[in-house]
């Protein structure tokens, strides 16, 4: 594997593994290991790791290199506050303009189809459609800058959602988002209140519960 696209291919492969939850918190990505795995030079690996850092999937720590960052309350709040400002602002713009929210419904129906599928979808598939639902809400505003801003945080949101995998499955995610889209179609405060509830009391709250669970487990193990 070489050429200008090699860093993107390596980053894409590691990204997929991260979004499947294959690399736990604290995993260190050693340049020499990745270079051997993908049969490339370390310069190419460094370029790939920079792409993952830019997407919020790993962080660069002094003397350790690229690692999977821990789940913290500050990180959860930063990401979900960003989402709330962005998505609610976009939704209000869309509602004021009388925009078509049909694409949001289409994505919810995709999620419902996944819930009925055998074999069961992967977690990465589920979060991909979940992301598409929220991207459709932002896209309804018709503002490319808002859409670009959403895409900037999209992978990090999906990575954070790997922590709540024990609490959700395709059916429960589909039910939550069917309720959301029905209220979005009502417009007005019903729509904005529903989106606020989804971001704060479904997503953020679930992550804070996962954080508490992890902290309690670490305490019991004496870490």
Protein backbone atom coordinates (compact mmCIF):
# COMPACT_ATOMS: atom_id res chain seq x y z
CA UNK A 1 0.00 0.00 0.00
CA UNK A 2 1.59 3.24 -1.10
CA UNK A 3 0.81 6.50 -2.87
CA UNK A 4 -1.05 9.61 -1.81
CA UNK A 5 -4.19 7.67 -0.82
CA UNK A 6 -2.39 5.28 1.55
CA UNK A 7 -2.87 7.41 4.71
CA UNK A 8 -6.60 7.72 3.93
CA UNK A 9 -6.93 3.95 3.47
CA UNK A 10 -5.15 3.21 6.73
CA UNK A 11 -7.19 5.83 8.58
CA UNK A 12 -10.41 4.37 7.12
CA UNK A 13 -9.52 0.85 8.24
CA UNK A 14 -8.66 1.92 11.80
CA UNK A 15 -11.73 4.20 11.89
CA UNK A 16 -14.02 1.27 11.09
CA UNK A 17 -12.44 -0.75 13.91
CA UNK A 18 -12.86 2.13 16.35
CA UNK A 19 -16.52 2.61 15.43
CA UNK A 20 -17.08 -1.11 15.99
CA UNK A 21 -15.63 -0.72 19.48
CA UNK A 22 -12.66 -2.96 18.68
CA UNK A 23 -10.08 -0.77 20.45
CA UNK A 24 -10.77 -0.01 24.13
CA UNK A 25 -9.92 3.21 25.93
CA UNK A 26 -6.18 3.60 26.38
CA UNK A 27 -5.25 1.57 23.30
CA UNK A 28 -2.01 2.94 21.90
CA UNK A 29 -1.46 2.83 18.15
CA UNK A 30 2.24 2.12 17.71
CA UNK A 31 3.64 3.42 14.45
CA UNK A 32 5.86 0.39 13.92
CA UNK A 33 2.95 -2.02 14.40
CA UNK A 34 0.72 -0.19 11.94
CA UNK A 35 3.58 0.14 9.44
CA UNK A 36 4.10 -3.63 9.53
CA UNK A 37 0.38 -4.39 9.40
CA UNK A 38 -0.28 -2.20 6.36
CA UNK A 39 3.16 -2.67 4.77
CA UNK A 40 3.91 1.05 4.59
CA UNK A 41 6.52 3.43 5.94
CA UNK A 42 6.16 5.16 9.30
CA UNK A 43 5.74 8.55 7.59
CA UNK A 44 2.57 7.19 5.95
CA UNK A 45 1.35 5.87 9.30
CA UNK A 46 1.96 9.25 10.95
CA UNK A 47 -0.13 10.91 8.24
CA UNK A 48 -2.94 8.40 8.85
CA UNK A 49 -2.85 8.97 12.60
CA UNK A 50 -3.05 12.73 12.06
CA UNK A 51 -6.26 12.18 10.10
CA UNK A 52 -7.71 10.17 12.99
CA UNK A 53 -6.75 12.92 15.45
CA UNK A 54 -8.43 15.54 13.23
CA UNK A 55 -11.62 13.48 13.24
CA UNK A 56 -11.66 13.22 17.04
CA UNK A 57 -11.15 9.45 17.02
CA UNK A 58 -7.79 9.39 18.81
CA UNK A 59 -5.74 11.92 20.72
CA UNK A 60 -2.02 12.53 20.61
CA UNK A 61 -0.37 12.26 24.03
CA UNK A 62 3.14 13.40 24.78
CA UNK A 63 5.58 10.47 24.96
CA UNK A 64 2.79 7.99 24.09
CA UNK A 65 1.66 8.96 20.62
CA UNK A 66 -1.85 8.27 19.34
CA UNK A 67 -4.22 6.66 21.86
CA UNK A 68 -7.93 6.07 22.26
CA UNK A 69 -9.05 8.83 24.62
CA UNK A 70 -11.01 8.05 27.77
CA UNK A 71 -14.66 8.89 28.25
CA UNK A 72 -14.94 11.95 30.52
CA UNK A 73 -17.77 14.25 31.56
CA UNK A 74 -15.95 17.22 30.03
CA UNK A 75 -15.67 15.44 26.69
CA UNK A 76 -19.32 14.36 26.71
CA UNK A 77 -20.51 17.87 27.55
CA UNK A 78 -18.27 19.51 24.96
CA UNK A 79 -19.46 17.26 22.15
CA UNK A 80 -23.14 17.31 23.10
CA UNK A 81 -23.24 21.06 23.72
CA UNK A 82 -21.76 21.48 20.24
CA UNK A 83 -24.38 19.14 18.81
CA UNK A 84 -27.22 20.92 20.58
CA UNK A 85 -26.24 24.37 19.34
CA UNK A 86 -25.68 23.08 15.81
CA UNK A 87 -28.70 20.79 15.42
CA UNK A 88 -31.23 23.01 17.17
CA UNK A 89 -30.06 26.03 15.20
CA UNK A 90 -30.37 24.09 11.94
CA UNK A 91 -33.80 22.73 12.89
CA UNK A 92 -35.13 26.21 13.70
CA UNK A 93 -33.88 27.46 10.34
CA UNK A 94 -35.51 24.52 8.57
CA UNK A 95 -38.83 25.03 10.37
CA UNK A 96 -38.84 28.77 9.69
CA UNK A 97 -38.26 28.07 5.99
CA UNK A 98 -40.92 25.34 5.85
CA UNK A 99 -38.27 22.88 4.71
CA UNK A 100 -39.12 19.30 3.81
CA UNK A 101 -38.23 16.94 6.66
CA UNK A 102 -39.01 13.89 4.54
CA UNK A 103 -35.33 12.87 4.33
CA UNK A 104 -35.29 12.55 8.13
CA UNK A 105 -38.22 10.14 7.97
CA UNK A 106 -36.46 8.18 5.22
CA UNK A 107 -33.44 7.62 7.45
CA UNK A 108 -35.64 6.62 10.40
CA UNK A 109 -37.29 4.04 8.16
CA UNK A 110 -33.82 2.73 7.25
CA UNK A 111 -33.12 2.31 10.97
CA UNK A 112 -36.41 0.48 11.44
CA UNK A 113 -35.52 -1.84 8.56
CA UNK A 114 -32.19 -2.62 10.24
CA UNK A 115 -34.06 -3.46 13.46
CA UNK A 116 -36.01 -6.15 11.59
CA UNK A 117 -33.06 -7.55 9.69
CA UNK A 118 -31.53 -10.98 10.18
CA UNK A 119 -28.62 -11.26 10.80
CA UNK A 120 -28.48 -8.38 13.21
CA UNK A 121 -26.66 -5.28 11.97
CA UNK A 122 -23.28 -4.31 13.36
CA UNK A 123 -23.03 -1.44 15.81
CA UNK A 124 -21.17 0.54 13.15
CA UNK A 125 -24.11 0.12 10.77
CA UNK A 126 -26.54 1.31 13.43
CA UNK A 127 -24.55 4.39 14.34
CA UNK A 128 -24.09 5.13 10.64
CA UNK A 129 -27.85 5.35 10.12
CA UNK A 130 -28.29 7.18 13.42
CA UNK A 131 -25.78 9.73 12.16
CA UNK A 132 -27.63 9.99 8.85
CA UNK A 133 -30.85 10.87 10.71
CA UNK A 134 -29.21 13.77 12.50
CA UNK A 135 -27.30 14.83 9.40
CA UNK A 136 -30.66 15.02 7.56
CA UNK A 137 -31.98 17.35 10.28
CA UNK A 138 -29.00 19.66 9.80
CA UNK A 139 -29.18 19.40 6.01
CA UNK A 140 -32.80 20.56 6.08
CA UNK A 141 -31.54 24.04 6.99
CA UNK A 142 -30.04 24.30 3.52
CA UNK A 143 -26.77 25.76 4.84
CA UNK A 144 -23.60 24.03 3.67
CA UNK A 145 -21.48 25.51 6.46
CA UNK A 146 -23.76 23.98 9.08
CA UNK A 147 -23.62 20.64 7.31
CA UNK A 148 -19.81 20.78 7.13
CA UNK A 149 -19.72 21.57 10.85
CA UNK A 150 -21.89 18.55 11.62
CA UNK A 151 -19.67 16.28 9.55
CA UNK A 152 -16.66 17.56 11.49
CA UNK A 153 -18.00 16.02 14.73
CA UNK A 154 -19.84 13.05 13.19
CA UNK A 155 -17.17 10.40 13.74
CA UNK A 156 -16.47 11.48 17.30
CA UNK A 157 -20.18 11.24 18.16
CA UNK A 158 -20.27 7.75 16.67
CA UNK A 159 -17.18 6.76 18.65
CA UNK A 160 -18.75 8.02 21.88
CA UNK A 161 -21.86 5.97 21.14
CA UNK A 162 -19.79 2.78 21.32
CA UNK A 163 -19.86 3.29 25.10
CA UNK A 164 -23.67 2.95 25.22
CA UNK A 165 -23.84 -0.22 23.13
CA UNK A 166 -24.90 -2.29 26.18
CA UNK A 167 -27.93 -0.01 26.63
CA UNK A 168 -29.35 0.12 23.09
CA UNK A 169 -30.11 -2.15 20.19
CA UNK A 170 -31.57 -1.56 16.74
CA UNK A 171 -35.16 -1.82 17.97
CA UNK A 172 -34.76 0.65 20.83
CA UNK A 173 -32.87 3.14 18.65
CA UNK A 174 -35.56 2.86 15.99
CA UNK A 175 -38.35 3.44 18.53
CA UNK A 176 -36.63 6.52 19.97
CA UNK A 177 -36.12 8.05 16.54
CA UNK A 178 -39.62 7.21 15.29
CA UNK A 179 -40.91 9.24 18.23
CA UNK A 180 -38.49 12.03 17.40
CA UNK A 181 -39.42 12.30 13.73
CA UNK A 182 -43.15 12.33 14.50
CA UNK A 183 -42.64 15.32 16.79
CA UNK A 184 -40.35 17.05 14.30
CA UNK A 185 -43.17 16.92 11.78
CA UNK A 186 -45.44 18.79 14.22
CA UNK A 187 -43.10 21.77 14.03
CA UNK A 188 -42.77 24.60 16.55
CA UNK A 189 -41.82 23.98 20.15
CA UNK A 190 -42.87 20.33 19.92
CA UNK A 191 -40.11 19.80 17.38
CA UNK A 192 -37.36 21.72 19.16
CA UNK A 193 -38.28 20.23 22.55
CA UNK A 194 -38.14 16.72 21.06
CA UNK A 195 -34.71 17.28 19.56
CA UNK A 196 -33.44 18.77 22.83
CA UNK A 197 -34.74 15.74 24.70
CA UNK A 198 -33.08 13.37 22.23
CA UNK A 199 -29.70 15.07 22.54
CA UNK A 200 -29.75 15.73 26.29
CA UNK A 201 -31.93 13.05 27.85
CA UNK A 202 -31.23 10.17 25.51
CA UNK A 203 -27.72 10.63 24.13
CA UNK A 204 -25.95 12.70 26.79
CA UNK A 205 -27.67 10.99 29.72
CA UNK A 206 -26.87 7.52 28.38
CA UNK A 207 -23.20 8.44 28.05
CA UNK A 208 -23.08 9.85 31.57
CA UNK A 209 -24.59 6.58 32.81
CA UNK A 210 -21.92 4.66 30.88
CA UNK A 211 -19.24 6.88 32.42
CA UNK A 212 -20.57 6.24 35.92
CA UNK A 213 -20.62 2.50 35.19
CA UNK A 214 -17.00 2.58 34.02
CA UNK A 215 -15.88 4.62 37.03
CA UNK A 216 -17.67 2.28 39.43
CA UNK A 217 -16.11 -0.76 37.76
CA UNK A 218 -12.67 0.82 38.00
CA UNK A 219 -13.24 1.62 41.68
CA UNK A 220 -14.26 -1.95 42.45
CA UNK A 221 -11.16 -3.22 40.65
CA UNK A 222 -9.02 -0.81 42.66
CA UNK A 223 -7.82 1.23 39.66
